[in-house]
């Protein structure tokens, strides 16, 4: 088995680490920020009425992420929404290492250009704890999803977690990964 290195990880090692060090002049090479993990989440509110929807979202999330998603369940009953304790309401996946870089590459270079009327993503979506969060209205922008077999279009949340100290460091790290910021 060969040691396969994802394209964006090789780019990070070859160019981005040096560029970040030149911009912020870190005292130690371990202080240079890097991508820590990517969390994907799909809320499936329709699963309250139809339990097959959660299976559909689960298989779509598995196709997009390349690994087994976790099914999120309700923590307490809410009668107004017809939700009972323990009812499945969503799926999520945490990507790390090679799968994380592969997903980010597909997100930036394949999925985002397929979004209708796409002009870029906001650079103000940092949470103050160096994580960047964004949402997609349709999961169909990923090439792994077969358009003909989809019964429901899901939205999804994507959170990019970094090891930087400030939001500006995280912003410049993601910019070096070619994240299409508009402002």
Protein backbone atom coordinates (compact mmCIF):
# COMPACT_ATOMS: atom_id res chain seq x y z
CA UNK A 1 0.00 0.00 0.00
CA UNK A 2 1.38 3.38 -0.99
CA UNK A 3 1.29 6.39 1.28
CA UNK A 4 -1.32 8.52 -0.43
CA UNK A 5 -1.28 12.20 0.59
CA UNK A 6 -4.36 14.30 -0.25
CA UNK A 7 -3.73 17.25 -2.54
CA UNK A 8 -4.64 19.92 0.02
CA UNK A 9 -2.52 18.32 2.74
CA UNK A 10 0.47 18.37 0.40
CA UNK A 11 -0.32 22.02 -0.41
CA UNK A 12 -0.49 22.78 3.33
CA UNK A 13 2.87 21.14 4.02
CA UNK A 14 4.61 22.67 0.97
CA UNK A 15 3.25 26.22 0.86
CA UNK A 16 0.61 27.18 3.42
CA UNK A 17 2.72 26.48 6.54
CA UNK A 18 5.50 28.72 5.22
CA UNK A 19 3.09 31.47 4.18
CA UNK A 20 1.40 31.45 7.60
CA UNK A 21 4.79 31.55 9.33
CA UNK A 22 5.89 34.50 7.16
CA UNK A 23 2.67 36.41 7.86
CA UNK A 24 2.48 35.86 11.63
CA UNK A 25 6.13 34.87 12.46
CA UNK A 26 5.53 32.13 15.00
CA UNK A 27 8.22 31.26 17.55
CA UNK A 28 7.66 27.52 17.17
CA UNK A 29 6.62 25.44 14.15
CA UNK A 30 3.95 23.73 16.30
CA UNK A 31 2.19 27.10 16.72
CA UNK A 32 1.38 27.30 13.00
CA UNK A 33 -2.40 26.87 12.65
CA UNK A 34 -3.82 23.90 10.82
CA UNK A 35 -7.18 22.41 10.02
CA UNK A 36 -8.27 20.26 12.96
CA UNK A 37 -11.58 18.70 11.85
CA UNK A 38 -14.66 19.24 9.70
CA UNK A 39 -18.11 18.53 11.14
CA UNK A 40 -21.04 17.90 8.77
CA UNK A 41 -24.59 17.97 10.11
CA UNK A 42 -27.99 17.38 8.50
CA UNK A 43 -31.15 18.14 10.42
CA UNK A 44 -34.01 15.90 9.32
CA UNK A 45 -37.17 17.38 10.82
CA UNK A 46 -39.30 15.38 8.38
CA UNK A 47 -38.25 12.23 10.22
CA UNK A 48 -40.96 12.99 12.80
CA UNK A 49 -43.65 12.13 10.24
CA UNK A 50 -41.74 9.54 8.17
CA UNK A 51 -39.01 7.37 9.73
CA UNK A 52 -37.65 6.40 6.27
CA UNK A 53 -36.35 9.97 5.81
CA UNK A 54 -33.60 9.43 8.38
CA UNK A 55 -32.36 6.37 6.45
CA UNK A 56 -32.27 8.41 3.24
CA UNK A 57 -30.33 11.23 4.93
CA UNK A 58 -27.98 8.67 6.51
CA UNK A 59 -27.12 7.08 3.16
CA UNK A 60 -26.68 10.50 1.48
CA UNK A 61 -24.37 11.69 4.28
CA UNK A 62 -22.38 8.45 4.00
CA UNK A 63 -21.94 9.03 0.25
CA UNK A 64 -20.84 12.65 0.77
CA UNK A 65 -18.45 12.06 3.66
CA UNK A 66 -17.12 8.59 2.92
CA UNK A 67 -17.63 7.39 6.47
CA UNK A 68 -20.43 6.16 8.73
CA UNK A 69 -22.60 9.00 10.12
CA UNK A 70 -23.98 9.14 13.65
CA UNK A 71 -27.76 9.48 14.04
CA UNK A 72 -28.73 12.33 16.39
CA UNK A 73 -31.71 11.64 18.61
CA UNK A 74 -34.04 13.98 20.48
CA UNK A 75 -33.02 14.57 24.10
CA UNK A 76 -36.52 15.35 25.34
CA UNK A 77 -40.11 15.20 24.18
CA UNK A 78 -41.72 18.32 22.67
CA UNK A 79 -45.45 17.83 22.15
CA UNK A 80 -45.86 20.91 19.93
CA UNK A 81 -43.47 19.45 17.36
CA UNK A 82 -44.67 15.85 17.88
CA UNK A 83 -41.16 14.88 18.97
CA UNK A 84 -40.63 12.10 21.51
CA UNK A 85 -37.54 11.43 23.57
CA UNK A 86 -35.04 9.28 21.64
CA UNK A 87 -36.60 9.96 18.22
CA UNK A 88 -33.98 10.23 15.39
CA UNK A 89 -33.85 13.83 14.09
CA UNK A 90 -30.56 14.22 12.20
CA UNK A 91 -27.21 12.80 11.13
CA UNK A 92 -23.68 14.08 11.64
CA UNK A 93 -20.12 13.16 10.75
CA UNK A 94 -16.75 14.39 12.02
CA UNK A 95 -13.98 14.18 9.43
CA UNK A 96 -10.31 14.19 10.38
CA UNK A 97 -6.94 13.59 8.69
CA UNK A 98 -7.00 12.51 5.01
CA UNK A 99 -10.81 12.38 4.68
CA UNK A 100 -11.02 15.95 6.00
CA UNK A 101 -8.62 17.26 3.33
CA UNK A 102 -10.37 15.25 0.59
CA UNK A 103 -13.76 16.66 1.64
CA UNK A 104 -12.45 20.26 1.78
CA UNK A 105 -10.96 19.84 -1.70
CA UNK A 106 -14.29 18.58 -3.08
CA UNK A 107 -16.21 21.30 -1.26
CA UNK A 108 -14.12 24.19 -2.58
CA UNK A 109 -13.33 22.94 -6.10
CA UNK A 110 -16.40 20.86 -7.04
CA UNK A 111 -19.43 21.54 -4.83
CA UNK A 112 -19.25 25.32 -4.36
CA UNK A 113 -18.97 26.10 -8.09
CA UNK A 114 -22.13 23.99 -8.62
CA UNK A 115 -24.20 26.16 -6.25
CA UNK A 116 -26.73 28.28 -8.11
CA UNK A 117 -25.89 32.04 -8.16
CA UNK A 118 -22.75 31.43 -6.11
CA UNK A 119 -20.63 34.51 -5.48
CA UNK A 120 -18.60 33.31 -2.51
CA UNK A 121 -18.97 32.68 1.21
CA UNK A 122 -19.03 35.29 3.96
CA UNK A 123 -15.77 35.85 5.79
CA UNK A 124 -17.74 36.96 8.86
CA UNK A 125 -19.04 33.49 9.77
CA UNK A 126 -16.35 32.80 12.37
CA UNK A 127 -17.71 32.00 15.81
CA UNK A 128 -15.07 33.76 17.92
CA UNK A 129 -13.50 30.40 18.78
CA UNK A 130 -11.65 30.05 15.43
CA UNK A 131 -14.28 27.81 13.82
CA UNK A 132 -15.86 28.69 10.47
CA UNK A 133 -19.49 27.65 9.99
CA UNK A 134 -21.46 27.66 6.75
CA UNK A 135 -24.66 26.15 5.47
CA UNK A 136 -25.74 24.64 2.18
CA UNK A 137 -29.37 24.73 1.08
CA UNK A 138 -29.05 21.62 -1.10
CA UNK A 139 -26.88 18.57 -0.65
CA UNK A 140 -27.24 17.89 -4.38
CA UNK A 141 -24.16 20.03 -5.16
CA UNK A 142 -21.92 17.11 -4.20
CA UNK A 143 -21.13 14.84 -7.17
CA UNK A 144 -21.55 11.67 -5.05
CA UNK A 145 -25.31 12.23 -4.84
CA UNK A 146 -27.22 10.76 -7.77
CA UNK A 147 -29.81 13.36 -8.71
CA UNK A 148 -32.35 10.81 -10.01
CA UNK A 149 -32.40 8.72 -6.81
CA UNK A 150 -32.96 11.64 -4.39
CA UNK A 151 -36.42 11.77 -2.83
CA UNK A 152 -35.84 14.80 -0.57
CA UNK A 153 -33.39 17.69 -0.81
CA UNK A 154 -31.55 18.24 2.49
CA UNK A 155 -29.71 21.27 3.72
CA UNK A 156 -26.53 20.78 5.68
CA UNK A 157 -24.24 22.62 8.08
CA UNK A 158 -20.48 22.51 7.62
CA UNK A 159 -18.11 23.60 10.41
CA UNK A 160 -14.38 23.92 9.73
CA UNK A 161 -12.40 23.76 12.99
CA UNK A 162 -8.85 25.13 13.10
CA UNK A 163 -6.09 25.25 15.71
CA UNK A 164 -5.43 28.99 15.30
CA UNK A 165 -5.54 31.47 18.17
CA UNK A 166 -7.62 34.22 16.49
CA UNK A 167 -10.32 34.45 13.83
CA UNK A 168 -8.03 36.50 11.58
CA UNK A 169 -5.43 33.70 11.62
CA UNK A 170 -8.13 31.15 10.80
CA UNK A 171 -9.44 33.41 7.98
CA UNK A 172 -5.98 33.69 6.40
CA UNK A 173 -5.46 29.92 6.77
CA UNK A 174 -8.72 29.20 4.93
CA UNK A 175 -7.89 31.87 2.32
CA UNK A 176 -4.65 30.02 1.60
CA UNK A 177 -6.73 26.86 1.07
CA UNK A 178 -8.59 28.91 -1.65
CA UNK A 179 -11.83 29.32 0.31
CA UNK A 180 -13.84 31.79 -1.85
CA UNK A 181 -14.49 34.62 0.66
CA UNK A 182 -16.45 37.62 -0.67
CA UNK A 183 -15.78 40.23 2.04
